[in-house]
């Protein structure tokens, strides 16, 4: 059985691809952690600890503005 997509799923997906922390996504969009985890699972994303330098390199490779990085 298929469930309807959450109303803020596209915004959560966009913020996940911008590498925003889960806490920031939950606070800005006023959603629960389960919504974020479900989107992470749907996109096939894994949680990995990165240094700031590694985040910058990945953001540059993806074409993400560095101001989006925490």
C-alpha atoms as a PDB file:
ATOM      1  CA  UNK A   1       0.000   0.000   0.000  1.00  0.00           C
ATOM      2  CA  UNK A   2       1.289   3.428  -0.909  1.00  0.00           C
ATOM      3  CA  UNK A   3       1.024   6.389   1.422  1.00  0.00           C
ATOM      4  CA  UNK A   4       0.600  10.010   0.299  1.00  0.00           C
ATOM      5  CA  UNK A   5       3.753  12.105   0.287  1.00  0.00           C
ATOM      6  CA  UNK A   6       4.267  14.518   3.193  1.00  0.00           C
ATOM      7  CA  UNK A   7       3.341  18.120   2.372  1.00  0.00           C
ATOM      8  CA  UNK A   8       6.895  19.354   3.012  1.00  0.00           C
ATOM      9  CA  UNK A   9       8.699  16.373   1.434  1.00  0.00           C
ATOM     10  CA  UNK A  10      10.167  18.411  -1.448  1.00  0.00           C
ATOM     11  CA  UNK A  11      11.539  21.039   0.961  1.00  0.00           C
ATOM     12  CA  UNK A  12      13.041  18.335   3.180  1.00  0.00           C
ATOM     13  CA  UNK A  13      14.607  16.681   0.128  1.00  0.00           C
ATOM     14  CA  UNK A  14      16.089  19.987  -1.056  1.00  0.00           C
ATOM     15  CA  UNK A  15      17.592  20.708   2.363  1.00  0.00           C
ATOM     16  CA  UNK A  16      19.001  17.176   2.649  1.00  0.00           C
ATOM     17  CA  UNK A  17      20.716  17.557  -0.719  1.00  0.00           C
ATOM     18  CA  UNK A  18      22.136  20.881   0.531  1.00  0.00           C
ATOM     19  CA  UNK A  19      23.651  18.852   3.401  1.00  0.00           C
ATOM     20  CA  UNK A  20      21.697  20.650   6.115  1.00  0.00           C
ATOM     21  CA  UNK A  21      21.747  18.939   9.532  1.00  0.00           C
ATOM     22  CA  UNK A  22      18.591  17.107  10.598  1.00  0.00           C
ATOM     23  CA  UNK A  23      18.128  19.463  13.548  1.00  0.00           C
ATOM     24  CA  UNK A  24      18.121  22.515  11.242  1.00  0.00           C
ATOM     25  CA  UNK A  25      15.638  20.897   8.847  1.00  0.00           C
ATOM     26  CA  UNK A  26      13.282  19.997  11.691  1.00  0.00           C
ATOM     27  CA  UNK A  27      13.420  23.505  13.167  1.00  0.00           C
ATOM     28  CA  UNK A  28      13.072  25.475   9.923  1.00  0.00           C
ATOM     29  CA  UNK A  29      10.293  23.356   8.424  1.00  0.00           C
ATOM     30  CA  UNK A  30       8.606  22.440  11.709  1.00  0.00           C
ATOM     31  CA  UNK A  31       8.599  18.712  10.915  1.00  0.00           C
ATOM     32  CA  UNK A  32       9.474  15.697  13.017  1.00  0.00           C
ATOM     33  CA  UNK A  33      12.633  13.682  12.765  1.00  0.00           C
ATOM     34  CA  UNK A  34      10.690  10.749  11.294  1.00  0.00           C
ATOM     35  CA  UNK A  35       9.833  12.839   8.220  1.00  0.00           C
ATOM     36  CA  UNK A  36      13.509  13.613   7.664  1.00  0.00           C
ATOM     37  CA  UNK A  37      14.588   9.998   8.257  1.00  0.00           C
ATOM     38  CA  UNK A  38      11.954   8.727   5.819  1.00  0.00           C
ATOM     39  CA  UNK A  39      13.198  11.106   3.135  1.00  0.00           C
ATOM     40  CA  UNK A  40      16.801  10.069   3.816  1.00  0.00           C
ATOM     41  CA  UNK A  41      15.832   6.415   3.420  1.00  0.00           C
ATOM     42  CA  UNK A  42      13.848   7.136   0.241  1.00  0.00           C
ATOM     43  CA  UNK A  43      16.822   8.985  -1.290  1.00  0.00           C
ATOM     44  CA  UNK A  44      19.294   6.313  -0.148  1.00  0.00           C
ATOM     45  CA  UNK A  45      21.329   8.752   1.957  1.00  0.00           C
ATOM     46  CA  UNK A  46      23.590   7.671   4.807  1.00  0.00           C
ATOM     47  CA  UNK A  47      24.658   9.645   7.853  1.00  0.00           C
ATOM     48  CA  UNK A  48      28.416  10.163   7.817  1.00  0.00           C
ATOM     49  CA  UNK A  49      30.470  12.500   9.995  1.00  0.00           C
ATOM     50  CA  UNK A  50      32.488  14.926   7.866  1.00  0.00           C
ATOM     51  CA  UNK A  51      34.934  17.698   8.615  1.00  0.00           C
ATOM     52  CA  UNK A  52      34.203  21.198   7.370  1.00  0.00           C
ATOM     53  CA  UNK A  53      36.860  20.832   4.664  1.00  0.00           C
ATOM     54  CA  UNK A  54      35.192  17.662   3.375  1.00  0.00           C
ATOM     55  CA  UNK A  55      31.790  19.381   3.357  1.00  0.00           C
ATOM     56  CA  UNK A  56      33.248  22.255   1.347  1.00  0.00           C
ATOM     57  CA  UNK A  57      34.769  19.892  -1.234  1.00  0.00           C
ATOM     58  CA  UNK A  58      31.490  18.001  -1.636  1.00  0.00           C
ATOM     59  CA  UNK A  59      29.500  21.242  -1.865  1.00  0.00           C
ATOM     60  CA  UNK A  60      31.839  22.569  -4.551  1.00  0.00           C
ATOM     61  CA  UNK A  61      31.525  19.328  -6.522  1.00  0.00           C
ATOM     62  CA  UNK A  62      27.714  19.507  -6.321  1.00  0.00           C
ATOM     63  CA  UNK A  63      27.603  23.204  -7.145  1.00  0.00           C
ATOM     64  CA  UNK A  64      26.068  24.120  -3.772  1.00  0.00           C
ATOM     65  CA  UNK A  65      26.583  27.613  -2.406  1.00  0.00           C
ATOM     66  CA  UNK A  66      28.993  27.525   0.539  1.00  0.00           C
ATOM     67  CA  UNK A  67      26.660  29.774   2.547  1.00  0.00           C
ATOM     68  CA  UNK A  68      24.312  26.756   2.816  1.00  0.00           C
ATOM     69  CA  UNK A  69      26.919  24.873   4.842  1.00  0.00           C
ATOM     70  CA  UNK A  70      26.627  24.909   8.636  1.00  0.00           C
END
